[in-house]
């Protein structure tokens, strides 16, 4: 049986879909699902307001707060399983987190009774969010999209979409500059 082929989206439609996804913190596939009245595949969606902040730690805490508030039972079940070799990233008390690594600095997750190790690099914060979300049942792509906010106020589209988006955007920009 031959493999089915599907029509390719026009470049301008794909670019618009990706830009919509970034502005609304929704994966392109879920943006399409929601636009036709279907439920997203993700357990729930976050918003850019959930991750607003002046720096990576504010956005990190905002994302964790939203994950806790919107998916409390799942958060409480999986947070203790997300840890480093010696460092505990999540704990019910400040002392529980503080005592597991040299200069480990716990911060309270807003709106919860949980603490998180906060003095990690942005790369490690990204990994913590991504692994937590994936363990909570989110797709790897959406987890990567949200966790990229530890670096920037603008999310990345993830591994499936970002390279194609970048190439098409560069091509469109080059064509405009030639005109």
N, C-alpha and C. Protein backbone atom coordinates (compact mmCIF):
# COMPACT_ATOMS: atom_id res chain seq x y z
N UNK A 1 0.85 -1.18 0.00
CA UNK A 1 0.00 0.00 0.00
C UNK A 1 0.89 1.24 0.00
N UNK A 2 0.66 2.19 -0.90
CA UNK A 2 1.50 3.38 -0.97
C UNK A 2 1.28 4.30 0.24
N UNK A 3 2.34 5.01 0.58
CA UNK A 3 2.26 5.99 1.66
C UNK A 3 1.45 7.20 1.18
N UNK A 4 0.47 7.63 1.98
CA UNK A 4 -0.33 8.77 1.53
C UNK A 4 0.52 10.04 1.51
N UNK A 5 0.20 10.90 0.59
CA UNK A 5 0.86 12.22 0.55
C UNK A 5 -0.18 13.27 0.88
N UNK A 6 0.27 14.34 1.46
CA UNK A 6 -0.61 15.42 1.89
C UNK A 6 -0.19 16.71 1.22
N UNK A 7 -1.13 17.57 0.96
CA UNK A 7 -0.76 18.85 0.34
C UNK A 7 0.06 19.69 1.33
N UNK A 8 1.01 20.42 0.80
CA UNK A 8 1.86 21.29 1.62
C UNK A 8 1.15 22.62 1.84
N UNK A 9 1.25 23.14 3.04
CA UNK A 9 0.70 24.48 3.31
C UNK A 9 1.49 25.52 2.52
N UNK A 10 0.82 26.50 1.99
CA UNK A 10 1.55 27.60 1.37
C UNK A 10 2.45 28.28 2.41
N UNK A 11 3.60 28.77 1.98
CA UNK A 11 4.57 29.37 2.91
C UNK A 11 3.97 30.48 3.75
N UNK A 12 3.15 31.35 3.14
CA UNK A 12 2.58 32.46 3.91
C UNK A 12 1.60 31.97 4.97
N UNK A 13 0.90 30.87 4.69
CA UNK A 13 -0.02 30.30 5.67
C UNK A 13 0.77 29.69 6.83
N UNK A 14 1.85 28.97 6.50
CA UNK A 14 2.70 28.38 7.53
C UNK A 14 3.31 29.47 8.41
N UNK A 15 3.82 30.53 7.80
CA UNK A 15 4.40 31.63 8.57
C UNK A 15 3.36 32.26 9.49
N UNK A 16 2.17 32.49 8.98
CA UNK A 16 1.10 33.07 9.81
C UNK A 16 0.72 32.14 10.95
N UNK A 17 0.65 30.85 10.68
CA UNK A 17 0.33 29.87 11.72
C UNK A 17 1.39 29.90 12.82
N UNK A 18 2.66 29.94 12.43
CA UNK A 18 3.74 29.97 13.41
C UNK A 18 3.72 31.26 14.22
N UNK A 19 3.47 32.37 13.56
CA UNK A 19 3.42 33.65 14.28
C UNK A 19 2.24 33.69 15.26
N UNK A 20 1.11 33.15 14.85
CA UNK A 20 -0.04 33.04 15.75
C UNK A 20 0.34 32.17 16.96
N UNK A 21 1.01 31.06 16.70
CA UNK A 21 1.39 30.13 17.77
C UNK A 21 2.29 30.80 18.80
N UNK A 22 3.27 31.56 18.32
CA UNK A 22 4.19 32.25 19.22
C UNK A 22 3.45 33.30 20.05
N UNK A 23 2.58 34.06 19.42
CA UNK A 23 1.84 35.11 20.13
C UNK A 23 0.86 34.55 21.16
N UNK A 24 0.40 33.32 20.95
CA UNK A 24 -0.62 32.74 21.82
C UNK A 24 -0.12 31.54 22.62
N UNK A 25 1.16 31.26 22.56
CA UNK A 25 1.80 30.17 23.29
C UNK A 25 1.01 28.86 23.12
N UNK A 26 0.83 28.50 21.88
CA UNK A 26 0.14 27.26 21.53
C UNK A 26 0.93 26.62 20.39
N UNK A 27 1.08 25.32 20.41
CA UNK A 27 1.81 24.67 19.33
C UNK A 27 1.04 24.84 18.03
N UNK A 28 1.71 24.89 16.91
CA UNK A 28 1.00 25.02 15.64
C UNK A 28 -0.06 23.93 15.43
N UNK A 29 0.24 22.71 15.82
CA UNK A 29 -0.76 21.64 15.63
C UNK A 29 -1.99 21.88 16.50
N UNK A 30 -1.81 22.37 17.73
CA UNK A 30 -2.96 22.67 18.57
C UNK A 30 -3.68 23.94 18.11
N UNK A 31 -2.96 24.87 17.51
CA UNK A 31 -3.62 26.07 16.96
C UNK A 31 -4.60 25.66 15.88
N UNK A 32 -4.20 24.71 15.05
CA UNK A 32 -5.10 24.21 14.00
C UNK A 32 -6.28 23.49 14.64
N UNK A 33 -6.02 22.64 15.62
CA UNK A 33 -7.10 21.89 16.29
C UNK A 33 -8.12 22.85 16.91
N UNK A 34 -7.65 23.84 17.65
CA UNK A 34 -8.55 24.78 18.32
C UNK A 34 -9.33 25.60 17.29
N UNK A 35 -8.68 25.95 16.17
CA UNK A 35 -9.36 26.78 15.16
C UNK A 35 -10.53 26.06 14.50
N UNK A 36 -10.54 24.73 14.53
CA UNK A 36 -11.66 24.00 13.94
C UNK A 36 -12.58 23.40 15.01
N UNK A 37 -12.42 23.87 16.26
CA UNK A 37 -13.35 23.48 17.31
C UNK A 37 -12.99 22.21 18.08
N UNK A 38 -11.78 21.70 17.88
CA UNK A 38 -11.34 20.52 18.63
C UNK A 38 -10.58 20.95 19.87
N UNK A 39 -10.52 20.06 20.83
CA UNK A 39 -9.73 20.32 22.03
C UNK A 39 -8.25 20.21 21.69
N UNK A 40 -7.40 20.98 22.36
CA UNK A 40 -5.96 20.80 22.16
C UNK A 40 -5.52 19.43 22.68
N UNK A 41 -4.42 18.94 22.18
CA UNK A 41 -3.89 17.66 22.66
C UNK A 41 -3.24 17.79 24.03
N UNK A 42 -2.84 19.00 24.38
CA UNK A 42 -2.18 19.23 25.67
C UNK A 42 -3.19 19.15 26.81
N UNK A 43 -2.73 18.77 28.01
CA UNK A 43 -3.65 18.72 29.16
C UNK A 43 -4.34 20.07 29.41
N UNK A 44 -3.60 21.15 29.22
CA UNK A 44 -4.13 22.51 29.27
C UNK A 44 -3.07 23.40 28.63
N UNK A 45 -3.48 24.61 28.27
CA UNK A 45 -2.55 25.54 27.64
C UNK A 45 -2.17 26.64 28.62
N UNK A 46 -0.95 27.08 28.52
CA UNK A 46 -0.47 28.22 29.29
C UNK A 46 -0.59 29.46 28.41
N UNK A 47 -0.43 30.62 29.00
CA UNK A 47 -0.45 31.87 28.24
C UNK A 47 0.87 32.59 28.46
N UNK A 48 1.14 33.55 27.61
CA UNK A 48 2.35 34.36 27.80
C UNK A 48 2.26 35.14 29.11
N UNK A 49 1.05 35.49 29.56
CA UNK A 49 0.90 36.16 30.85
C UNK A 49 1.36 35.28 32.00
N UNK A 50 1.20 33.95 31.85
CA UNK A 50 1.69 33.04 32.89
C UNK A 50 3.20 33.12 33.04
N UNK A 51 3.87 33.48 31.96
CA UNK A 51 5.34 33.48 31.94
C UNK A 51 5.93 34.87 31.84
N UNK A 52 5.15 35.88 32.22
CA UNK A 52 5.71 37.23 32.10
C UNK A 52 6.66 37.49 33.26
N UNK A 53 7.63 38.31 32.99
CA UNK A 53 8.60 38.67 34.01
C UNK A 53 9.77 39.38 33.39
N UNK A 54 10.50 40.07 34.21
CA UNK A 54 11.62 40.86 33.69
C UNK A 54 12.86 40.01 33.43
N UNK A 55 12.92 38.82 34.03
CA UNK A 55 14.10 37.99 33.82
C UNK A 55 13.71 36.51 33.86
N UNK A 56 14.70 35.66 33.63
CA UNK A 56 14.47 34.22 33.57
C UNK A 56 13.88 33.64 34.84
N UNK A 57 14.29 34.12 36.00
CA UNK A 57 13.76 33.57 37.26
C UNK A 57 12.29 33.92 37.43
N UNK A 58 11.90 35.15 37.07
CA UNK A 58 10.49 35.53 37.16
C UNK A 58 9.63 34.67 36.23
N UNK A 59 10.12 34.48 35.00
CA UNK A 59 9.37 33.66 34.05
C UNK A 59 9.33 32.20 34.51
N UNK A 60 10.44 31.70 35.04
CA UNK A 60 10.52 30.34 35.58
C UNK A 60 9.48 30.14 36.68
N UNK A 61 9.45 31.04 37.63
CA UNK A 61 8.48 30.94 38.73
C UNK A 61 7.05 31.10 38.24
N UNK A 62 6.82 31.98 37.28
CA UNK A 62 5.49 32.18 36.72
C UNK A 62 4.97 30.92 36.02
N UNK A 63 5.84 30.27 35.26
CA UNK A 63 5.45 29.03 34.57
C UNK A 63 5.14 27.95 35.60
N UNK A 64 6.00 27.81 36.60
CA UNK A 64 5.76 26.80 37.64
C UNK A 64 4.47 27.08 38.39
N UNK A 65 4.19 28.35 38.68
CA UNK A 65 2.95 28.72 39.36
C UNK A 65 1.74 28.32 38.53
N UNK A 66 1.79 28.61 37.23
CA UNK A 66 0.66 28.27 36.35
C UNK A 66 0.50 26.75 36.24
N UNK A 67 1.60 26.03 36.14
CA UNK A 67 1.51 24.57 36.07
C UNK A 67 0.89 24.01 37.35
N UNK A 68 1.27 24.59 38.49
CA UNK A 68 0.69 24.14 39.76
C UNK A 68 -0.80 24.46 39.83
N UNK A 69 -1.16 25.69 39.51
CA UNK A 69 -2.56 26.11 39.64
C UNK A 69 -3.49 25.37 38.67
N UNK A 70 -3.02 25.12 37.45
CA UNK A 70 -3.87 24.51 36.43
C UNK A 70 -3.82 22.99 36.44
N UNK A 71 -2.79 22.42 37.06
CA UNK A 71 -2.66 20.96 37.07
C UNK A 71 -2.09 20.46 38.39
N UNK A 72 -2.71 20.92 39.47
CA UNK A 72 -2.16 20.68 40.81
C UNK A 72 -1.87 19.21 41.12
N UNK A 73 -2.83 18.33 40.88
CA UNK A 73 -2.62 16.92 41.24
C UNK A 73 -1.45 16.31 40.49
N UNK A 74 -1.39 16.59 39.20
CA UNK A 74 -0.30 16.04 38.39
C UNK A 74 1.03 16.66 38.81
N UNK A 75 1.04 17.97 39.06
CA UNK A 75 2.25 18.66 39.51
C UNK A 75 2.78 18.00 40.79
N UNK A 76 1.89 17.82 41.76
CA UNK A 76 2.31 17.25 43.04
C UNK A 76 2.81 15.81 42.90
N UNK A 77 2.26 15.09 41.93
CA UNK A 77 2.70 13.71 41.72
C UNK A 77 4.08 13.63 41.07
N UNK A 78 4.36 14.54 40.12
CA UNK A 78 5.60 14.41 39.36
C UNK A 78 6.74 15.31 39.83
N UNK A 79 6.46 16.43 40.48
CA UNK A 79 7.52 17.35 40.89
C UNK A 79 8.64 16.66 41.69
N UNK A 80 8.31 15.79 42.65
CA UNK A 80 9.40 15.14 43.40
C UNK A 80 10.29 14.22 42.55
N UNK A 81 9.83 13.85 41.37
CA UNK A 81 10.63 12.96 40.52
C UNK A 81 11.61 13.72 39.64
N UNK A 82 11.50 15.05 39.61
CA UNK A 82 12.38 15.88 38.80
C UNK A 82 13.51 16.39 39.71
N UNK A 83 14.70 15.87 39.51
CA UNK A 83 15.83 16.23 40.37
C UNK A 83 17.14 15.99 39.63
N UNK A 84 18.20 16.52 40.18
CA UNK A 84 19.53 16.30 39.63
C UNK A 84 20.17 15.10 40.29
N UNK A 85 21.48 14.95 40.10
CA UNK A 85 22.19 13.82 40.71
C UNK A 85 22.16 13.90 42.23
N UNK A 86 22.40 15.08 42.77
CA UNK A 86 22.35 15.26 44.22
C UNK A 86 21.34 16.32 44.63
N UNK A 87 21.03 17.22 43.74
CA UNK A 87 20.17 18.35 44.06
C UNK A 87 18.70 18.00 43.87
N UNK A 88 17.91 18.32 44.87
CA UNK A 88 16.45 18.22 44.76
C UNK A 88 15.96 19.56 44.23
N UNK A 89 15.16 19.53 43.16
CA UNK A 89 14.67 20.77 42.59
C UNK A 89 13.38 21.26 43.24
N UNK A 90 12.55 20.34 43.72
CA UNK A 90 11.26 20.71 44.31
C UNK A 90 11.14 20.14 45.71
N UNK A 91 10.57 20.93 46.61
CA UNK A 91 10.33 20.45 47.96
C UNK A 91 9.18 21.20 48.61
N UNK A 92 8.65 20.60 49.65
CA UNK A 92 7.55 21.22 50.40
C UNK A 92 8.03 22.28 51.38
N UNK A 93 9.32 22.23 51.70
CA UNK A 93 9.89 23.24 52.58
C UNK A 93 11.16 23.80 51.96
N UNK A 94 11.51 24.97 52.39
CA UNK A 94 12.74 25.60 51.92
C UNK A 94 13.95 24.75 52.30
N UNK A 95 13.93 24.23 53.52
CA UNK A 95 15.05 23.43 54.02
C UNK A 95 15.23 22.15 53.20
N UNK A 96 14.15 21.57 52.74
CA UNK A 96 14.22 20.35 51.94
C UNK A 96 15.02 20.58 50.66
N UNK A 97 14.83 21.72 50.04
CA UNK A 97 15.55 22.04 48.81
C UNK A 97 16.97 22.53 49.14
N UNK A 98 17.07 23.39 50.12
CA UNK A 98 18.35 24.02 50.46
C UNK A 98 19.43 23.00 50.82
N UNK A 99 19.05 21.96 51.51
CA UNK A 99 20.02 21.00 52.02
C UNK A 99 20.57 20.02 51.01
N UNK A 100 20.28 20.19 49.73
CA UNK A 100 20.68 19.15 48.77
C UNK A 100 21.74 19.61 47.76
N UNK A 101 22.38 20.70 48.01
CA UNK A 101 23.43 21.13 47.10
C UNK A 101 24.13 22.35 47.64
N UNK A 102 25.38 22.49 47.26
CA UNK A 102 26.10 23.67 47.75
C UNK A 102 25.49 24.91 47.11
N UNK A 103 25.21 25.85 47.91
CA UNK A 103 24.59 27.13 47.52
C UNK A 103 23.28 26.96 46.76
N UNK A 104 22.51 25.96 47.11
CA UNK A 104 21.19 25.74 46.51
C UNK A 104 20.24 26.77 47.12
N UNK A 105 19.63 27.60 46.29
CA UNK A 105 18.76 28.68 46.78
C UNK A 105 17.30 28.38 46.45
N UNK A 106 16.50 28.02 47.46
CA UNK A 106 15.08 27.76 47.21
C UNK A 106 14.26 29.04 47.16
N UNK A 107 13.26 29.04 46.28
CA UNK A 107 12.27 30.13 46.22
C UNK A 107 10.90 29.48 46.23
N UNK A 108 9.96 30.17 46.88
CA UNK A 108 8.58 29.67 46.93
C UNK A 108 7.92 29.88 45.57
N UNK A 109 7.24 28.86 45.09
CA UNK A 109 6.49 28.97 43.84
C UNK A 109 5.20 29.73 44.17
N UNK A 110 4.97 30.89 43.55
CA UNK A 110 3.79 31.69 43.88
C UNK A 110 2.49 30.90 43.76
N UNK A 111 1.63 31.07 44.75
CA UNK A 111 0.33 30.42 44.74
C UNK A 111 0.36 28.94 45.09
N UNK A 112 1.48 28.49 45.62
CA UNK A 112 1.59 27.07 45.99
C UNK A 112 2.27 26.94 47.34
N UNK A 113 2.35 25.72 47.82
CA UNK A 113 3.11 25.47 49.04
C UNK A 113 4.39 24.71 48.70
N UNK A 114 4.91 24.91 47.49
CA UNK A 114 6.13 24.25 47.02
C UNK A 114 7.26 25.27 46.88
N UNK A 115 8.47 24.74 47.03
CA UNK A 115 9.69 25.52 46.81
C UNK A 115 10.44 24.88 45.65
N UNK A 116 11.22 25.70 44.96
CA UNK A 116 12.01 25.22 43.83
C UNK A 116 13.43 25.77 43.94
N UNK A 117 14.38 24.98 43.52
CA UNK A 117 15.76 25.42 43.43
C UNK A 117 15.84 26.49 42.34
N UNK A 118 16.27 27.69 42.71
CA UNK A 118 16.16 28.80 41.76
C UNK A 118 17.49 29.28 41.20
N UNK A 119 18.60 28.91 41.80
CA UNK A 119 19.87 29.44 41.29
C UNK A 119 20.54 28.45 40.33
N UNK A 120 19.77 28.08 39.33
CA UNK A 120 20.28 27.26 38.25
C UNK A 120 20.48 28.16 37.03
N UNK A 121 21.27 27.70 36.10
CA UNK A 121 21.43 28.45 34.85
C UNK A 121 20.09 28.44 34.11
N UNK A 122 19.93 29.36 33.16
CA UNK A 122 18.71 29.36 32.35
C UNK A 122 18.56 28.04 31.62
N UNK A 123 19.67 27.46 31.21
CA UNK A 123 19.63 26.16 30.55
C UNK A 123 19.05 25.08 31.48
N UNK A 124 19.45 25.12 32.73
CA UNK A 124 18.94 24.13 33.69
C UNK A 124 17.47 24.42 34.02
N UNK A 125 17.09 25.69 34.12
CA UNK A 125 15.68 26.03 34.35
C UNK A 125 14.83 25.49 33.19
N UNK A 126 15.32 25.68 31.97
CA UNK A 126 14.66 25.16 30.77
C UNK A 126 14.46 23.65 30.89
N UNK A 127 15.51 22.95 31.28
CA UNK A 127 15.44 21.48 31.42
C UNK A 127 14.44 21.08 32.50
N UNK A 128 14.44 21.79 33.61
CA UNK A 128 13.51 21.48 34.71
C UNK A 128 12.07 21.63 34.23
N UNK A 129 11.75 22.76 33.59
CA UNK A 129 10.39 23.00 33.10
C UNK A 129 10.01 21.94 32.06
N UNK A 130 10.90 21.70 31.11
CA UNK A 130 10.62 20.75 30.03
C UNK A 130 10.35 19.35 30.59
N UNK A 131 11.20 18.90 31.50
CA UNK A 131 11.01 17.56 32.08
C UNK A 131 9.77 17.48 32.95
N UNK A 132 9.49 18.53 33.71
CA UNK A 132 8.29 18.56 34.55
C UNK A 132 7.04 18.50 33.67
N UNK A 133 7.00 19.35 32.64
CA UNK A 133 5.82 19.37 31.77
C UNK A 133 5.63 18.04 31.05
N UNK A 134 6.72 17.48 30.56
CA UNK A 134 6.61 16.20 29.85
C UNK A 134 6.08 15.12 30.79
N UNK A 135 6.57 15.11 32.04
CA UNK A 135 6.09 14.14 33.03
C UNK A 135 4.63 14.39 33.40
N UNK A 136 4.17 15.64 33.25
CA UNK A 136 2.77 15.97 33.54
C UNK A 136 1.85 15.61 32.37
N UNK A 137 2.42 15.13 31.26
CA UNK A 137 1.59 14.69 30.14
C UNK A 137 1.56 15.61 28.94
N UNK A 138 2.39 16.67 28.95
CA UNK A 138 2.46 17.57 27.81
C UNK A 138 3.35 16.96 26.73
N UNK A 139 3.11 17.34 25.48
CA UNK A 139 3.97 16.87 24.40
C UNK A 139 5.36 17.46 24.57
N UNK A 140 6.34 16.77 23.98
CA UNK A 140 7.72 17.27 24.06
C UNK A 140 7.82 18.63 23.37
N UNK A 141 7.16 18.79 22.22
CA UNK A 141 7.23 20.07 21.49
C UNK A 141 6.67 21.22 22.30
N UNK A 142 5.51 21.01 22.93
CA UNK A 142 4.91 22.10 23.70
C UNK A 142 5.76 22.38 24.95
N UNK A 143 6.27 21.34 25.56
CA UNK A 143 7.15 21.50 26.73
C UNK A 143 8.37 22.34 26.36
N UNK A 144 8.95 22.07 25.18
CA UNK A 144 10.11 22.84 24.72
C UNK A 144 9.72 24.29 24.43
N UNK A 145 8.55 24.48 23.86
CA UNK A 145 8.09 25.83 23.54
C UNK A 145 7.96 26.66 24.82
N UNK A 146 7.31 26.11 25.82
CA UNK A 146 7.11 26.83 27.08
C UNK A 146 8.43 27.02 27.82
N UNK A 147 9.24 25.98 27.88
CA UNK A 147 10.50 26.07 28.63
C UNK A 147 11.47 27.06 28.00
N UNK A 148 11.33 27.32 26.69
CA UNK A 148 12.22 28.29 26.04
C UNK A 148 12.03 29.69 26.61
N UNK A 149 10.93 29.92 27.31
CA UNK A 149 10.69 31.23 27.92
C UNK A 149 11.65 31.51 29.07
N UNK A 150 12.39 30.52 29.52
CA UNK A 150 13.41 30.77 30.54
C UNK A 150 14.53 31.64 29.98
N UNK A 151 14.67 31.68 28.66
CA UNK A 151 15.71 32.47 28.00
C UNK A 151 15.21 33.82 27.50
N UNK A 152 13.94 33.88 27.14
CA UNK A 152 13.45 35.02 26.39
C UNK A 152 11.96 35.23 26.65
N UNK A 153 11.47 36.43 26.35
CA UNK A 153 10.04 36.70 26.44
C UNK A 153 9.28 36.13 25.25
N UNK A 154 10.00 35.68 24.23
CA UNK A 154 9.39 35.15 23.01
C UNK A 154 9.69 33.65 22.94
N UNK A 155 8.66 32.83 22.90
CA UNK A 155 8.91 31.38 22.88
C UNK A 155 9.45 30.91 21.53
N UNK A 156 10.18 29.82 21.60
CA UNK A 156 10.64 29.13 20.40
C UNK A 156 9.54 28.16 19.98
N UNK A 157 9.46 27.87 18.72
CA UNK A 157 8.44 26.95 18.22
C UNK A 157 8.77 25.48 18.47
N UNK A 158 9.95 25.19 18.91
CA UNK A 158 10.33 23.81 19.14
C UNK A 158 11.03 23.22 17.92
N UNK A 159 11.49 21.99 18.08
CA UNK A 159 12.34 21.35 17.09
C UNK A 159 11.63 21.03 15.78
N UNK A 160 10.33 20.79 15.83
CA UNK A 160 9.61 20.44 14.61
C UNK A 160 9.39 21.64 13.70
N UNK A 161 9.14 22.81 14.26
CA UNK A 161 8.70 23.96 13.48
C UNK A 161 9.73 25.08 13.34
N UNK A 162 10.55 25.31 14.34
CA UNK A 162 11.43 26.48 14.34
C UNK A 162 12.39 26.52 13.14
N UNK A 163 13.06 25.42 12.79
CA UNK A 163 13.97 25.49 11.64
C UNK A 163 13.26 25.87 10.33
N UNK A 164 12.11 25.30 10.08
CA UNK A 164 11.36 25.62 8.85
C UNK A 164 10.88 27.06 8.90
N UNK A 165 10.40 27.51 10.06
CA UNK A 165 9.96 28.89 10.20
C UNK A 165 11.12 29.85 9.93
N UNK A 166 12.28 29.59 10.54
CA UNK A 166 13.45 30.46 10.35
C UNK A 166 13.85 30.55 8.88
N UNK A 167 13.87 29.40 8.20
CA UNK A 167 14.27 29.37 6.79
C UNK A 167 13.27 30.16 5.92
N UNK A 168 11.99 29.95 6.14
CA UNK A 168 10.99 30.65 5.34
C UNK A 168 10.98 32.15 5.64
N UNK A 169 11.17 32.50 6.91
CA UNK A 169 11.21 33.92 7.30
C UNK A 169 12.43 34.61 6.66
N UNK A 170 13.57 33.94 6.69
CA UNK A 170 14.78 34.50 6.07
C UNK A 170 14.58 34.66 4.56
N UNK A 171 13.96 33.69 3.94
CA UNK A 171 13.69 33.76 2.50
C UNK A 171 12.75 34.91 2.18
N UNK A 172 11.69 35.06 2.97
CA UNK A 172 10.73 36.15 2.76
C UNK A 172 11.40 37.50 2.96
N UNK A 173 12.26 37.62 3.96
CA UNK A 173 12.96 38.87 4.24
C UNK A 173 13.92 39.20 3.09
N UNK A 174 14.62 38.19 2.59
CA UNK A 174 15.56 38.39 1.47
C UNK A 174 14.81 38.85 0.22
N UNK A 175 13.66 38.26 -0.04
CA UNK A 175 12.86 38.65 -1.21
C UNK A 175 12.36 40.09 -1.07
N UNK A 176 11.97 40.48 0.13
CA UNK A 176 11.50 41.86 0.35
C UNK A 176 12.62 42.87 0.17
N UNK A 177 13.82 42.53 0.62
CA UNK A 177 14.94 43.47 0.52
C UNK A 177 15.40 43.66 -0.93
N UNK A 178 15.13 42.67 -1.78
CA UNK A 178 15.49 42.78 -3.19
C UNK A 178 14.53 43.66 -3.97
N UNK A 179 13.36 43.88 -3.42
CA UNK A 179 12.35 44.67 -4.12
C UNK A 179 12.56 46.14 -3.96
